[in-house]
Protein backbone atom coordinates (compact mmCIF):
# COMPACT_ATOMS: atom_id res chain seq x y z
CA UNK A 1 0.00 0.00 0.00
CA UNK A 2 2.83 2.40 0.90
CA UNK A 3 4.54 1.76 -2.44
CA UNK A 4 1.29 2.53 -4.29
CA UNK A 5 0.96 5.82 -2.42
CA UNK A 6 4.57 6.72 -3.18
CA UNK A 7 4.06 5.82 -6.84
CA UNK A 8 0.86 7.85 -6.99
CA UNK A 9 2.58 10.86 -5.45
CA UNK A 10 5.50 10.41 -7.84
CA UNK A 11 3.12 10.30 -10.81
CA UNK A 12 1.31 13.45 -9.64
CA UNK A 13 4.64 15.23 -9.31
CA UNK A 14 5.67 14.01 -12.75
CA UNK A 15 2.51 15.33 -14.36
CA UNK A 16 3.02 18.68 -12.65
CA UNK A 17 6.55 19.10 -13.98
CA UNK A 18 6.92 17.23 -17.26
CA UNK A 19 10.27 17.60 -18.95
CA UNK A 20 10.58 17.63 -22.69
CA UNK A 21 13.23 15.82 -24.72
CA UNK A 22 15.39 18.94 -25.08
CA UNK A 23 15.51 19.43 -21.31
CA UNK A 24 16.46 15.79 -20.81
CA UNK A 25 19.20 15.93 -23.41
CA UNK A 26 20.93 18.65 -21.42
CA UNK A 27 20.01 17.42 -17.95
CA UNK A 28 21.71 14.13 -17.07
CA UNK A 29 21.21 14.89 -13.37
CA UNK A 30 17.46 14.61 -13.90
CA UNK A 31 17.88 11.30 -15.73
CA UNK A 32 20.14 9.98 -12.97
CA UNK A 33 17.65 11.14 -10.33
CA UNK A 34 14.73 9.45 -12.06
CA UNK A 35 16.60 6.16 -12.44
CA UNK A 36 17.83 6.26 -8.84
CA UNK A 37 14.37 7.12 -7.44
CA UNK A 38 12.60 4.40 -9.43
CA UNK A 39 15.24 1.85 -8.43
CA UNK A 40 14.92 2.76 -4.77
CA UNK A 41 11.11 2.73 -4.68
CA UNK A 42 10.94 -0.63 -6.43
CA UNK A 43 13.99 -2.23 -4.76
CA UNK A 44 16.04 -2.69 -7.92
CA UNK A 45 19.70 -2.14 -8.77
CA UNK A 46 19.89 1.11 -10.78
CA UNK A 47 22.36 -0.57 -13.14
CA UNK A 48 19.68 -3.06 -14.21
CA UNK A 49 17.39 -0.19 -15.21
CA UNK A 50 20.20 1.41 -17.20
CA UNK A 51 20.97 -1.88 -18.95
CA UNK A 52 17.30 -2.38 -19.80
CA UNK A 53 17.08 1.20 -21.09
CA UNK A 54 20.01 0.44 -23.39
CA UNK A 55 18.59 -2.91 -24.54
CA UNK A 56 15.09 -1.54 -25.07
CA UNK A 57 16.54 1.43 -26.96
CA UNK A 58 13.29 3.39 -26.83
CA UNK A 59 13.11 7.12 -27.26
CA UNK A 60 11.24 9.78 -25.39
CA UNK A 61 8.22 10.95 -27.37
CA UNK A 62 8.14 7.83 -29.57
CA UNK A 63 6.11 4.66 -29.82
CA UNK A 64 7.16 1.58 -31.75
CA UNK A 65 4.66 -0.70 -33.47
CA UNK A 66 4.80 -4.44 -32.80
CA UNK A 67 3.69 -7.20 -35.16
CA UNK A 68 0.98 -8.25 -32.68
CA UNK A 69 -0.84 -4.90 -32.96
CA UNK A 70 0.48 -3.44 -29.70
CA UNK A 71 2.97 -0.61 -29.35
CA UNK A 72 5.95 -0.06 -27.08
CA UNK A 73 6.08 3.36 -25.47
CA UNK A 74 9.07 5.57 -24.64
CA UNK A 75 12.53 4.75 -23.27
CA UNK A 76 11.62 1.58 -21.32
CA UNK A 77 9.35 0.42 -24.18
CA UNK A 78 6.34 -0.12 -21.90
CA UNK A 79 3.86 -2.15 -23.95
CA UNK A 80 0.27 -0.98 -24.35
CA UNK A 81 -0.84 -4.32 -22.89
CA UNK A 82 0.36 -2.87 -19.57
CA UNK A 83 -1.53 0.44 -19.86
CA UNK A 84 -4.52 -0.59 -17.70
CA UNK A 85 -2.28 -1.90 -14.91
CA UNK A 86 0.01 1.14 -14.97
CA UNK A 87 -3.00 3.49 -15.06
CA UNK A 88 -4.49 1.72 -12.05
CA UNK A 89 -1.12 1.83 -10.27
CA UNK A 90 -0.98 5.59 -10.85
CA UNK A 91 -4.71 6.17 -10.26
CA UNK A 92 -4.82 7.83 -13.68
CA UNK A 93 -6.71 7.52 -16.95
CA UNK A 94 -5.41 5.37 -19.77
CA UNK A 95 -4.97 8.47 -21.93
CA UNK A 96 -2.99 10.37 -19.29
CA UNK A 97 -0.92 7.26 -18.64
CA UNK A 98 -0.13 6.82 -22.34
CA UNK A 99 0.95 10.46 -22.66
CA UNK A 100 3.10 10.31 -19.52
CA UNK A 101 4.78 7.09 -20.68
CA UNK A 102 5.46 8.58 -24.09
CA UNK A 103 6.52 12.09 -23.07
CA UNK A 104 7.94 11.94 -19.55
CA UNK A 105 11.21 10.12 -18.93
CA UNK A 106 10.70 9.81 -15.19
CA UNK A 107 7.17 8.45 -15.57
CA UNK A 108 8.36 5.93 -18.14
CA UNK A 109 11.22 4.72 -15.96
CA UNK A 110 8.97 4.52 -12.88
CA UNK A 111 6.46 2.41 -14.80
CA UNK A 112 9.20 0.19 -16.23
CA UNK A 113 10.70 -0.30 -12.77
CA UNK A 114 7.27 -1.10 -11.31
CA UNK A 115 6.58 -3.64 -14.08
CA UNK A 116 10.02 -5.19 -13.60
CA UNK A 117 9.43 -5.48 -9.85
CA UNK A 118 6.09 -7.22 -10.54
CA UNK A 119 7.85 -9.66 -12.89
CA UNK A 120 10.55 -10.36 -10.31
CA UNK A 121 8.00 -10.89 -7.54
CA UNK A 122 6.01 -13.27 -9.76
CA UNK A 123 9.08 -15.47 -10.29
CA UNK A 124 9.65 -16.07 -6.59
CA UNK A 125 13.12 -14.58 -6.60
CA UNK A 126 14.38 -15.94 -9.91
CA UNK A 127 15.99 -12.66 -10.92
CA UNK A 128 16.88 -13.41 -14.52
CA UNK A 129 13.57 -15.09 -15.23
CA UNK A 130 11.89 -11.90 -13.98
CA UNK A 131 14.14 -9.76 -16.16
CA UNK A 132 13.23 -11.93 -19.16
CA UNK A 133 9.55 -11.71 -18.29
CA UNK A 134 9.83 -7.91 -18.42
CA UNK A 135 10.04 -8.41 -22.18
CA UNK A 136 7.85 -11.48 -22.63
CA UNK A 137 6.62 -14.51 -20.74
CA UNK A 138 6.88 -16.56 -23.96
CA UNK A 139 10.00 -18.73 -23.50
CA UNK A 140 11.56 -18.13 -26.92
CA UNK A 141 11.18 -14.33 -26.67
CA UNK A 142 12.28 -14.31 -23.03
CA UNK A 143 15.44 -16.26 -23.90
CA UNK A 144 16.22 -14.02 -26.87
CA UNK A 145 15.80 -10.94 -24.66
CA UNK A 146 18.05 -12.36 -21.94
CA UNK A 147 20.74 -12.93 -24.57
CA UNK A 148 20.44 -9.25 -25.52
CA UNK A 149 20.75 -8.26 -21.86
CA UNK A 150 23.80 -10.52 -21.47
CA UNK A 151 25.41 -9.01 -24.57
CA UNK A 152 24.85 -5.50 -23.18
CA UNK A 153 26.38 -6.51 -19.83
CA UNK A 154 29.39 -8.03 -21.64
CA UNK A 155 29.78 -4.93 -23.82
CA UNK A 156 29.72 -2.60 -20.82
CA UNK A 157 32.07 -4.85 -18.86
CA UNK A 158 34.57 -4.92 -21.73
CA UNK A 159 34.48 -1.13 -21.91
CA UNK A 160 35.11 -0.86 -18.19
CA UNK A 161 37.96 -3.38 -18.31
CA UNK A 162 39.51 -1.57 -21.28
CA UNK A 163 39.17 1.74 -19.51
CA UNK A 164 37.06 3.00 -22.40
CA UNK A 165 34.05 5.13 -21.60
CA UNK A 166 30.79 4.03 -23.22
CA UNK A 167 29.18 6.44 -25.67
CA UNK A 168 27.93 9.42 -23.68
CA UNK A 169 24.21 9.34 -24.27
CA UNK A 170 22.29 11.06 -21.45
CA UNK A 171 21.29 7.66 -20.04
CA UNK A 172 24.86 6.40 -20.09
CA UNK A 173 26.09 9.62 -18.51
CA UNK A 174 23.57 9.09 -15.74
CA UNK A 175 24.59 5.46 -15.41
CA UNK A 176 28.22 6.40 -14.99
CA UNK A 177 27.32 8.48 -11.96
CA UNK A 178 24.70 6.11 -10.51
CA UNK A 179 25.91 3.71 -7.79
CA UNK A 180 25.46 0.11 -8.93
CA UNK A 181 23.85 -1.01 -5.70
CA UNK A 182 21.39 1.81 -5.25
C-alpha atoms as a PDB file:
ATOM      1  CA  UNK A   1       0.000   0.000   0.000  1.00  0.00           C
ATOM      2  CA  UNK A   2       2.826   2.401   0.905  1.00  0.00           C
ATOM      3  CA  UNK A   3       4.544   1.756  -2.440  1.00  0.00           C
ATOM      4  CA  UNK A   4       1.291   2.528  -4.288  1.00  0.00           C
ATOM      5  CA  UNK A   5       0.958   5.818  -2.418  1.00  0.00           C
ATOM      6  CA  UNK A   6       4.567   6.717  -3.177  1.00  0.00           C
ATOM      7  CA  UNK A   7       4.063   5.819  -6.841  1.00  0.00           C
ATOM      8  CA  UNK A   8       0.856   7.852  -6.985  1.00  0.00           C
ATOM      9  CA  UNK A   9       2.583  10.857  -5.449  1.00  0.00           C
ATOM     10  CA  UNK A  10       5.501  10.410  -7.842  1.00  0.00           C
ATOM     11  CA  UNK A  11       3.116  10.297 -10.810  1.00  0.00           C
ATOM     12  CA  UNK A  12       1.308  13.452  -9.644  1.00  0.00           C
ATOM     13  CA  UNK A  13       4.637  15.232  -9.313  1.00  0.00           C
ATOM     14  CA  UNK A  14       5.669  14.012 -12.752  1.00  0.00           C
ATOM     15  CA  UNK A  15       2.509  15.330 -14.357  1.00  0.00           C
ATOM     16  CA  UNK A  16       3.019  18.680 -12.649  1.00  0.00           C
ATOM     17  CA  UNK A  17       6.547  19.096 -13.978  1.00  0.00           C
ATOM     18  CA  UNK A  18       6.920  17.225 -17.257  1.00  0.00           C
ATOM     19  CA  UNK A  19      10.270  17.603 -18.950  1.00  0.00           C
ATOM     20  CA  UNK A  20      10.576  17.627 -22.694  1.00  0.00           C
ATOM     21  CA  UNK A  21      13.230  15.816 -24.715  1.00  0.00           C
ATOM     22  CA  UNK A  22      15.385  18.936 -25.083  1.00  0.00           C
ATOM     23  CA  UNK A  23      15.505  19.429 -21.313  1.00  0.00           C
ATOM     24  CA  UNK A  24      16.461  15.792 -20.810  1.00  0.00           C
ATOM     25  CA  UNK A  25      19.204  15.926 -23.411  1.00  0.00           C
ATOM     26  CA  UNK A  26      20.928  18.647 -21.415  1.00  0.00           C
ATOM     27  CA  UNK A  27      20.010  17.423 -17.954  1.00  0.00           C
ATOM     28  CA  UNK A  28      21.713  14.126 -17.072  1.00  0.00           C
ATOM     29  CA  UNK A  29      21.208  14.891 -13.369  1.00  0.00           C
ATOM     30  CA  UNK A  30      17.459  14.607 -13.898  1.00  0.00           C
ATOM     31  CA  UNK A  31      17.876  11.303 -15.729  1.00  0.00           C
ATOM     32  CA  UNK A  32      20.140   9.979 -12.972  1.00  0.00           C
ATOM     33  CA  UNK A  33      17.652  11.144 -10.329  1.00  0.00           C
ATOM     34  CA  UNK A  34      14.730   9.447 -12.059  1.00  0.00           C
ATOM     35  CA  UNK A  35      16.600   6.164 -12.444  1.00  0.00           C
ATOM     36  CA  UNK A  36      17.826   6.258  -8.845  1.00  0.00           C
ATOM     37  CA  UNK A  37      14.371   7.119  -7.440  1.00  0.00           C
ATOM     38  CA  UNK A  38      12.595   4.398  -9.432  1.00  0.00           C
ATOM     39  CA  UNK A  39      15.236   1.848  -8.435  1.00  0.00           C
ATOM     40  CA  UNK A  40      14.922   2.757  -4.770  1.00  0.00           C
ATOM     41  CA  UNK A  41      11.113   2.732  -4.680  1.00  0.00           C
ATOM     42  CA  UNK A  42      10.942  -0.635  -6.428  1.00  0.00           C
ATOM     43  CA  UNK A  43      13.988  -2.233  -4.757  1.00  0.00           C
ATOM     44  CA  UNK A  44      16.044  -2.687  -7.924  1.00  0.00           C
ATOM     45  CA  UNK A  45      19.700  -2.144  -8.765  1.00  0.00           C
ATOM     46  CA  UNK A  46      19.886   1.107 -10.778  1.00  0.00           C
ATOM     47  CA  UNK A  47      22.363  -0.567 -13.135  1.00  0.00           C
ATOM     48  CA  UNK A  48      19.678  -3.055 -14.212  1.00  0.00           C
ATOM     49  CA  UNK A  49      17.392  -0.191 -15.212  1.00  0.00           C
ATOM     50  CA  UNK A  50      20.200   1.414 -17.203  1.00  0.00           C
ATOM     51  CA  UNK A  51      20.966  -1.881 -18.947  1.00  0.00           C
ATOM     52  CA  UNK A  52      17.297  -2.380 -19.805  1.00  0.00           C
ATOM     53  CA  UNK A  53      17.077   1.200 -21.091  1.00  0.00           C
ATOM     54  CA  UNK A  54      20.006   0.443 -23.395  1.00  0.00           C
ATOM     55  CA  UNK A  55      18.588  -2.911 -24.543  1.00  0.00           C
ATOM     56  CA  UNK A  56      15.087  -1.539 -25.066  1.00  0.00           C
ATOM     57  CA  UNK A  57      16.544   1.431 -26.963  1.00  0.00           C
ATOM     58  CA  UNK A  58      13.290   3.387 -26.828  1.00  0.00           C
ATOM     59  CA  UNK A  59      13.106   7.120 -27.262  1.00  0.00           C
ATOM     60  CA  UNK A  60      11.238   9.784 -25.388  1.00  0.00           C
ATOM     61  CA  UNK A  61       8.217  10.946 -27.369  1.00  0.00           C
ATOM     62  CA  UNK A  62       8.140   7.833 -29.573  1.00  0.00           C
ATOM     63  CA  UNK A  63       6.110   4.665 -29.815  1.00  0.00           C
ATOM     64  CA  UNK A  64       7.158   1.575 -31.753  1.00  0.00           C
ATOM     65  CA  UNK A  65       4.659  -0.701 -33.473  1.00  0.00           C
ATOM     66  CA  UNK A  66       4.799  -4.437 -32.802  1.00  0.00           C
ATOM     67  CA  UNK A  67       3.692  -7.201 -35.162  1.00  0.00           C
ATOM     68  CA  UNK A  68       0.977  -8.251 -32.682  1.00  0.00           C
ATOM     69  CA  UNK A  69      -0.842  -4.899 -32.959  1.00  0.00           C
ATOM     70  CA  UNK A  70       0.479  -3.439 -29.700  1.00  0.00           C
ATOM     71  CA  UNK A  71       2.965  -0.608 -29.346  1.00  0.00           C
ATOM     72  CA  UNK A  72       5.945  -0.065 -27.078  1.00  0.00           C
ATOM     73  CA  UNK A  73       6.083   3.365 -25.474  1.00  0.00           C
ATOM     74  CA  UNK A  74       9.067   5.566 -24.641  1.00  0.00           C
ATOM     75  CA  UNK A  75      12.528   4.754 -23.272  1.00  0.00           C
ATOM     76  CA  UNK A  76      11.618   1.584 -21.319  1.00  0.00           C
ATOM     77  CA  UNK A  77       9.348   0.423 -24.180  1.00  0.00           C
ATOM     78  CA  UNK A  78       6.344  -0.120 -21.897  1.00  0.00           C
ATOM     79  CA  UNK A  79       3.864  -2.149 -23.946  1.00  0.00           C
ATOM     80  CA  UNK A  80       0.268  -0.983 -24.353  1.00  0.00           C
ATOM     81  CA  UNK A  81      -0.842  -4.318 -22.891  1.00  0.00           C
ATOM     82  CA  UNK A  82       0.356  -2.875 -19.573  1.00  0.00           C
ATOM     83  CA  UNK A  83      -1.530   0.442 -19.860  1.00  0.00           C
ATOM     84  CA  UNK A  84      -4.521  -0.588 -17.703  1.00  0.00           C
ATOM     85  CA  UNK A  85      -2.283  -1.896 -14.913  1.00  0.00           C
ATOM     86  CA  UNK A  86       0.006   1.144 -14.969  1.00  0.00           C
ATOM     87  CA  UNK A  87      -2.996   3.492 -15.064  1.00  0.00           C
ATOM     88  CA  UNK A  88      -4.491   1.721 -12.048  1.00  0.00           C
ATOM     89  CA  UNK A  89      -1.121   1.827 -10.273  1.00  0.00           C
ATOM     90  CA  UNK A  90      -0.979   5.586 -10.852  1.00  0.00           C
ATOM     91  CA  UNK A  91      -4.710   6.166 -10.260  1.00  0.00           C
ATOM     92  CA  UNK A  92      -4.822   7.834 -13.683  1.00  0.00           C
ATOM     93  CA  UNK A  93      -6.715   7.518 -16.947  1.00  0.00           C
ATOM     94  CA  UNK A  94      -5.414   5.365 -19.768  1.00  0.00           C
ATOM     95  CA  UNK A  95      -4.965   8.475 -21.932  1.00  0.00           C
ATOM     96  CA  UNK A  96      -2.985  10.375 -19.293  1.00  0.00           C
ATOM     97  CA  UNK A  97      -0.917   7.265 -18.640  1.00  0.00           C
ATOM     98  CA  UNK A  98      -0.134   6.819 -22.337  1.00  0.00           C
ATOM     99  CA  UNK A  99       0.951  10.459 -22.656  1.00  0.00           C
ATOM    100  CA  UNK A 100       3.099  10.306 -19.519  1.00  0.00           C
ATOM    101  CA  UNK A 101       4.784   7.091 -20.678  1.00  0.00           C
ATOM    102  CA  UNK A 102       5.460   8.583 -24.093  1.00  0.00           C
ATOM    103  CA  UNK A 103       6.523  12.093 -23.075  1.00  0.00           C
ATOM    104  CA  UNK A 104       7.942  11.935 -19.548  1.00  0.00           C
ATOM    105  CA  UNK A 105      11.214  10.122 -18.933  1.00  0.00           C
ATOM    106  CA  UNK A 106      10.699   9.814 -15.186  1.00  0.00           C
ATOM    107  CA  UNK A 107       7.171   8.452 -15.568  1.00  0.00           C
ATOM    108  CA  UNK A 108       8.359   5.934 -18.139  1.00  0.00           C
ATOM    109  CA  UNK A 109      11.224   4.720 -15.957  1.00  0.00           C
ATOM    110  CA  UNK A 110       8.970   4.516 -12.883  1.00  0.00           C
ATOM    111  CA  UNK A 111       6.461   2.409 -14.804  1.00  0.00           C
ATOM    112  CA  UNK A 112       9.199   0.194 -16.231  1.00  0.00           C
ATOM    113  CA  UNK A 113      10.702  -0.302 -12.770  1.00  0.00           C
ATOM    114  CA  UNK A 114       7.265  -1.095 -11.311  1.00  0.00           C
ATOM    115  CA  UNK A 115       6.581  -3.636 -14.079  1.00  0.00           C
ATOM    116  CA  UNK A 116      10.022  -5.192 -13.602  1.00  0.00           C
ATOM    117  CA  UNK A 117       9.425  -5.482  -9.849  1.00  0.00           C
ATOM    118  CA  UNK A 118       6.091  -7.216 -10.542  1.00  0.00           C
ATOM    119  CA  UNK A 119       7.851  -9.658 -12.890  1.00  0.00           C
ATOM    120  CA  UNK A 120      10.553 -10.358 -10.309  1.00  0.00           C
ATOM    121  CA  UNK A 121       8.002 -10.890  -7.544  1.00  0.00           C
ATOM    122  CA  UNK A 122       6.009 -13.269  -9.758  1.00  0.00           C
ATOM    123  CA  UNK A 123       9.077 -15.475 -10.293  1.00  0.00           C
ATOM    124  CA  UNK A 124       9.651 -16.065  -6.588  1.00  0.00           C
ATOM    125  CA  UNK A 125      13.123 -14.576  -6.595  1.00  0.00           C
ATOM    126  CA  UNK A 126      14.384 -15.940  -9.914  1.00  0.00           C
ATOM    127  CA  UNK A 127      15.987 -12.657 -10.915  1.00  0.00           C
ATOM    128  CA  UNK A 128      16.881 -13.412 -14.523  1.00  0.00           C
ATOM    129  CA  UNK A 129      13.565 -15.093 -15.230  1.00  0.00           C
ATOM    130  CA  UNK A 130      11.891 -11.905 -13.979  1.00  0.00           C
ATOM    131  CA  UNK A 131      14.139  -9.763 -16.163  1.00  0.00           C
ATOM    132  CA  UNK A 132      13.228 -11.925 -19.161  1.00  0.00           C
ATOM    133  CA  UNK A 133       9.547 -11.707 -18.287  1.00  0.00           C
ATOM    134  CA  UNK A 134       9.834  -7.913 -18.416  1.00  0.00           C
ATOM    135  CA  UNK A 135      10.037  -8.410 -22.176  1.00  0.00           C
ATOM    136  CA  UNK A 136       7.846 -11.485 -22.635  1.00  0.00           C
ATOM    137  CA  UNK A 137       6.617 -14.513 -20.740  1.00  0.00           C
ATOM    138  CA  UNK A 138       6.879 -16.556 -23.957  1.00  0.00           C
ATOM    139  CA  UNK A 139      10.001 -18.726 -23.498  1.00  0.00           C
ATOM    140  CA  UNK A 140      11.562 -18.130 -26.923  1.00  0.00           C
ATOM    141  CA  UNK A 141      11.183 -14.331 -26.673  1.00  0.00           C
ATOM    142  CA  UNK A 142      12.283 -14.310 -23.030  1.00  0.00           C
ATOM    143  CA  UNK A 143      15.444 -16.256 -23.902  1.00  0.00           C
ATOM    144  CA  UNK A 144      16.225 -14.018 -26.871  1.00  0.00           C
ATOM    145  CA  UNK A 145      15.797 -10.942 -24.656  1.00  0.00           C
ATOM    146  CA  UNK A 146      18.048 -12.357 -21.937  1.00  0.00           C
ATOM    147  CA  UNK A 147      20.741 -12.927 -24.568  1.00  0.00           C
ATOM    148  CA  UNK A 148      20.437  -9.252 -25.525  1.00  0.00           C
ATOM    149  CA  UNK A 149      20.750  -8.265 -21.859  1.00  0.00           C
ATOM    150  CA  UNK A 150      23.798 -10.520 -21.471  1.00  0.00           C
ATOM    151  CA  UNK A 151      25.408  -9.012 -24.573  1.00  0.00           C
ATOM    152  CA  UNK A 152      24.852  -5.501 -23.180  1.00  0.00           C
ATOM    153  CA  UNK A 153      26.385  -6.507 -19.832  1.00  0.00           C
ATOM    154  CA  UNK A 154      29.391  -8.026 -21.639  1.00  0.00           C
ATOM    155  CA  UNK A 155      29.780  -4.925 -23.819  1.00  0.00           C
ATOM    156  CA  UNK A 156      29.719  -2.603 -20.822  1.00  0.00           C
ATOM    157  CA  UNK A 157      32.072  -4.854 -18.855  1.00  0.00           C
ATOM    158  CA  UNK A 158      34.565  -4.916 -21.735  1.00  0.00           C
ATOM    159  CA  UNK A 159      34.477  -1.125 -21.907  1.00  0.00           C
ATOM    160  CA  UNK A 160      35.109  -0.864 -18.186  1.00  0.00           C
ATOM    161  CA  UNK A 161      37.962  -3.384 -18.307  1.00  0.00           C
ATOM    162  CA  UNK A 162      39.514  -1.573 -21.276  1.00  0.00           C
ATOM    163  CA  UNK A 163      39.168   1.739 -19.507  1.00  0.00           C
ATOM    164  CA  UNK A 164      37.062   2.995 -22.398  1.00  0.00           C
ATOM    165  CA  UNK A 165      34.051   5.126 -21.605  1.00  0.00           C
ATOM    166  CA  UNK A 166      30.790   4.034 -23.222  1.00  0.00           C
ATOM    167  CA  UNK A 167      29.182   6.443 -25.672  1.00  0.00           C
ATOM    168  CA  UNK A 168      27.926   9.420 -23.677  1.00  0.00           C
ATOM    169  CA  UNK A 169      24.206   9.335 -24.269  1.00  0.00           C
ATOM    170  CA  UNK A 170      22.294  11.064 -21.449  1.00  0.00           C
ATOM    171  CA  UNK A 171      21.285   7.664 -20.037  1.00  0.00           C
ATOM    172  CA  UNK A 172      24.861   6.398 -20.088  1.00  0.00           C
ATOM    173  CA  UNK A 173      26.086   9.624 -18.515  1.00  0.00           C
ATOM    174  CA  UNK A 174      23.571   9.093 -15.741  1.00  0.00           C
ATOM    175  CA  UNK A 175      24.589   5.462 -15.405  1.00  0.00           C
ATOM    176  CA  UNK A 176      28.219   6.401 -14.987  1.00  0.00           C
ATOM    177  CA  UNK A 177      27.317   8.484 -11.959  1.00  0.00           C
ATOM    178  CA  UNK A 178      24.704   6.106 -10.506  1.00  0.00           C
ATOM    179  CA  UNK A 179      25.913   3.712  -7.793  1.00  0.00           C
ATOM    180  CA  UNK A 180      25.463   0.111  -8.929  1.00  0.00           C
ATOM    181  CA  UNK A 181      23.854  -1.007  -5.698  1.00  0.00           C
ATOM    182  CA  UNK A 182      21.394   1.810  -5.248  1.00  0.00           C
END
